[in-house]
Protein backbone atom coordinates (compact mmCIF):
# COMPACT_ATOMS: atom_id res chain seq x y z
CA MET A 1 28.66 78.59 -58.54
CA ALA A 2 27.56 75.00 -58.17
CA GLU A 3 31.19 73.86 -58.31
CA LYS A 4 32.12 76.27 -55.47
CA LYS A 5 29.36 74.79 -53.30
CA LYS A 6 30.57 71.26 -54.04
CA ASN A 7 34.17 72.18 -53.13
CA SER A 8 32.95 73.87 -49.99
CA GLN A 9 30.97 70.79 -49.00
CA LYS A 10 33.97 68.55 -49.66
CA LYS A 11 36.19 70.73 -47.45
CA THR A 12 33.57 70.71 -44.71
CA THR A 13 33.12 66.96 -44.96
CA GLY A 14 36.86 66.41 -45.03
CA GLY A 15 37.34 68.63 -42.00
CA LYS A 16 34.67 66.79 -40.03
CA GLY A 17 36.25 63.47 -40.99
CA ARG A 18 39.63 64.56 -39.78
CA TRP A 19 38.18 65.80 -36.48
CA ALA A 20 36.32 62.55 -36.09
CA ASN A 21 39.51 60.58 -36.67
CA LEU A 22 41.41 62.79 -34.22
CA ASN A 23 38.72 62.34 -31.58
CA LYS A 24 38.72 58.58 -32.11
CA THR A 25 42.52 58.44 -31.84
CA SER A 26 42.45 60.59 -28.70
CA LYS A 27 39.90 58.30 -27.06
CA ILE A 28 42.01 55.26 -27.86
CA LEU A 29 45.16 56.90 -26.47
CA TYR A 30 43.25 58.00 -23.36
CA THR A 31 41.94 54.49 -22.81
CA VAL A 32 45.41 52.99 -23.22
CA ALA A 33 46.86 55.56 -20.80
CA VAL A 34 44.21 54.76 -18.20
CA ILE A 35 44.92 51.02 -18.53
CA VAL A 36 48.67 51.59 -18.26
CA ILE A 37 48.15 53.59 -15.06
CA LEU A 38 45.49 51.34 -13.51
CA VAL A 39 47.20 47.96 -14.03
CA PRO A 40 50.19 48.71 -11.73
CA LEU A 41 47.89 50.34 -9.18
CA LEU A 42 45.56 47.35 -9.16
CA PHE A 43 48.54 45.00 -8.83
CA LEU A 44 49.98 46.97 -5.92
CA GLY A 45 46.55 47.07 -4.31
CA TYR A 46 46.25 43.31 -4.61
CA ILE A 47 49.66 42.83 -2.99
CA TYR A 48 48.76 45.20 -0.15
CA ILE A 49 45.40 43.53 0.54
CA SER A 50 46.93 40.04 0.39
CA ALA A 51 49.70 41.03 2.78
CA LYS A 52 47.22 42.56 5.19
CA GLU A 53 44.98 39.49 5.13
CA ASN A 54 47.93 37.12 5.67
CA SER A 55 49.57 39.15 8.44
CA GLY A 56 49.96 37.04 11.54
CA LYS A 57 49.54 33.78 9.64
CA PRO A 58 52.47 31.30 9.56
CA THR A 59 54.28 30.79 6.29
CA VAL A 60 53.53 27.34 4.97
CA GLY A 61 56.36 25.54 3.23
CA SER A 62 59.78 24.12 3.90
CA ARG A 63 63.22 24.17 2.38
CA PHE A 64 63.32 20.43 3.19
CA ASP A 65 60.49 19.45 0.84
CA ASP A 66 62.61 16.69 -0.71
CA SER A 67 64.25 15.74 2.57
CA LEU A 68 63.53 14.40 6.07
CA ASN A 69 61.88 11.22 4.88
CA PRO A 70 60.82 9.69 7.21
CA ALA A 71 60.03 12.68 9.43
CA ILE A 72 60.22 12.73 13.21
CA THR A 73 56.70 12.74 14.63
CA GLU A 74 55.39 14.69 17.62
CA GLN A 75 54.88 11.43 19.49
CA GLN A 76 58.50 10.39 18.95
CA LEU A 77 59.63 13.79 20.15
CA GLU A 78 57.58 13.39 23.32
CA ASP A 79 59.06 9.91 23.85
CA VAL A 80 62.58 11.34 23.60
CA LYS A 81 61.75 14.09 26.11
CA LYS A 82 60.60 11.49 28.64
CA ALA A 83 63.58 9.20 28.00
CA VAL A 84 66.33 11.76 28.60
CA VAL A 85 65.18 12.86 32.06
CA PHE A 86 67.83 11.74 34.57
CA ASP A 87 68.32 12.06 38.31
CA GLY A 88 70.88 14.64 39.35
CA THR A 89 70.07 17.11 36.56
CA ASP A 90 68.68 20.62 36.95
CA LYS A 91 67.03 21.02 33.55
CA VAL A 92 66.54 19.11 30.30
CA GLU A 93 65.41 20.60 26.99
CA VAL A 94 64.60 18.80 23.73
CA ASN A 95 64.12 20.94 20.64
CA LEU A 96 63.65 20.10 16.99
CA ILE A 97 64.94 23.19 15.22
CA SER A 98 64.99 23.14 11.43
CA ALA A 99 66.58 19.74 10.74
CA THR A 100 68.48 19.40 14.01
CA LEU A 101 67.32 17.50 17.07
CA ARG A 102 69.08 19.23 19.95
CA ILE A 103 69.08 17.85 23.50
CA THR A 104 70.45 20.14 26.21
CA ILE A 105 71.06 18.83 29.73
CA ASP A 106 71.98 21.13 32.61
CA ALA A 107 73.56 18.79 35.15
CA ALA A 108 74.30 19.49 38.81
CA ASP A 109 76.81 22.29 39.42
CA ASP A 110 79.22 19.88 41.14
CA ALA A 111 78.96 17.20 38.45
CA SER A 112 82.32 15.75 37.49
CA SER A 113 83.70 15.24 34.00
CA ASP A 114 82.87 11.53 34.21
CA THR A 115 79.28 12.29 35.21
CA ILE A 116 78.86 14.76 32.34
CA ASN A 117 80.24 12.21 29.90
CA GLN A 118 77.98 9.47 31.26
CA LEU A 119 74.88 11.66 30.96
CA MET A 120 75.82 12.57 27.39
CA GLU A 121 76.27 8.94 26.37
CA GLN A 122 73.06 7.81 28.08
CA ALA A 123 71.02 10.59 26.46
CA TYR A 124 72.47 9.70 23.06
CA GLU A 125 71.76 5.98 23.43
CA LYS A 126 68.19 6.51 24.66
CA THR A 127 67.51 8.90 21.78
CA VAL A 128 68.77 6.59 19.04
CA ALA A 129 66.83 3.71 20.61
CA ILE A 130 63.67 5.68 19.77
CA LEU A 131 65.03 7.22 16.57
CA PRO A 132 67.51 4.81 14.96
CA VAL A 133 70.61 6.45 13.49
CA GLU A 134 70.32 4.64 10.15
CA THR A 135 66.73 5.83 9.70
CA TYR A 136 66.72 9.39 11.01
CA PHE A 137 70.31 10.64 11.27
CA SER A 138 71.87 9.24 8.10
CA ASN A 139 71.24 10.33 4.52
CA ASN A 140 69.52 7.72 2.38
CA LYS A 141 68.23 7.12 -1.14
CA GLU A 142 64.73 8.29 -0.22
CA SER A 143 65.83 11.68 1.12
CA ASP A 144 68.34 14.33 0.08
CA LYS A 145 68.94 15.39 3.69
CA MET A 146 68.12 13.80 7.04
CA TYR A 147 68.31 15.09 10.61
CA ASP A 148 71.37 16.01 12.66
CA LEU A 149 71.54 15.03 16.34
CA GLU A 150 73.23 17.09 19.04
CA VAL A 151 73.47 16.20 22.74
CA HIS A 152 74.78 19.07 24.91
CA VAL A 153 75.60 18.45 28.58
CA PHE A 154 77.20 20.92 31.03
CA ASN A 155 77.46 21.45 34.78
CA TYR A 156 76.62 25.17 34.83
CA ILE A 157 76.68 28.45 32.93
CA PRO A 158 79.56 30.63 34.20
CA ASP A 159 78.70 33.82 36.07
CA GLU A 160 80.18 35.91 38.88
CA ALA A 161 79.74 33.09 41.39
CA LYS A 162 80.71 30.26 39.02
CA PRO A 163 84.14 30.52 37.38
CA ALA A 164 84.49 29.68 33.70
CA GLU A 165 87.64 27.66 34.46
CA GLN A 166 85.59 25.03 36.28
CA GLN A 167 82.83 24.70 33.72
CA ILE A 168 82.53 21.30 32.03
CA TYR A 169 80.75 21.23 28.66
CA MET A 170 80.53 18.20 26.36
CA VAL A 171 78.75 17.76 23.03
CA LYS A 172 78.04 14.59 21.07
CA THR A 173 77.05 15.23 17.46
CA LYS A 174 75.85 12.91 14.70
CA THR A 175 75.31 14.70 11.41
CA SER A 176 73.39 13.05 8.61
CA GLY A 177 76.44 13.17 6.36
CA ALA A 178 78.84 11.57 8.85
CA THR A 179 79.20 7.85 9.37
CA GLU A 180 80.12 8.11 13.06
CA PRO A 181 79.22 10.53 15.88
CA ASN A 182 81.74 13.06 17.12
CA VAL A 183 82.42 14.12 20.72
CA SER A 184 83.85 17.53 21.53
CA VAL A 185 84.65 19.30 24.79
CA PRO A 186 84.49 23.08 24.17
CA THR A 187 85.70 23.85 27.70
CA THR A 188 88.92 21.87 27.24
CA PRO A 189 91.49 23.58 24.97
CA LYS A 190 93.01 21.39 22.29
CA ASN A 191 96.42 22.95 22.92
CA GLU A 192 96.91 23.38 26.68
CA GLU A 193 100.23 25.20 26.30
CA VAL A 194 98.85 27.84 23.94
CA ALA A 195 95.75 28.28 26.12
CA ASN A 196 97.90 28.88 29.23
CA GLU A 197 100.02 31.43 27.36
CA LEU A 198 96.89 33.30 26.28
CA LEU A 199 95.53 33.29 29.84
CA GLU A 200 98.82 34.59 31.24
CA GLY A 201 98.91 37.31 28.60
CA GLN A 202 95.37 38.32 29.48
CA LYS A 203 96.18 38.48 33.20
CA GLU A 204 99.26 40.65 32.54
CA ALA A 205 97.20 42.98 30.32
CA GLN A 206 94.56 43.32 33.06
CA ALA A 207 97.25 44.01 35.68
CA ASP A 208 98.85 46.71 33.50
CA ALA A 209 95.44 48.28 32.90
CA GLN A 210 94.76 48.43 36.66
CA LYS A 211 98.16 50.05 37.34
CA GLY A 212 97.43 52.73 34.75
CA GLN A 213 94.15 53.73 36.41
């Protein structure tokens, strides 16, 4: 009889031990599951709150961290703006966009090709007198990439009253990787013969389209 009681007690004790172990394991698994679920939620919440707090704020940083040394200052930019104002022009804009200093001059509508070219050269010379080419518009040992300079000059923007054929547009460009500046005239075709053929073809196509209406 005593042996039966002992066996019964052992079974009871063993059963309680197993339940205790199961409960302990369940609690551990539950805790791990909660952590696994909460960590991503907390991370997403942090991202959301950070994004909300930083909304409307400018992004600080530049892809030119190892470049543009020395950098063009605000004062130098103001000096250039004052220097490239000429008589006989309708509008002058000076913008420093990314790593390009772009000067755009809208000359008088009746400005000749010679006048446009003269304005372009004067604007270029006055700019590099303030910002020397060797320092600001040429790559050097101190900087991986320096500024590019563009001087755009035109007589007008074509519209219904101003024909595109009479527009004069010149651009002088000095890239940091080039040794010399380059002048281009977008309004003058490089191949006059091909350009005339294209214009004639366009006129014929327009005439045929009007006949078909």
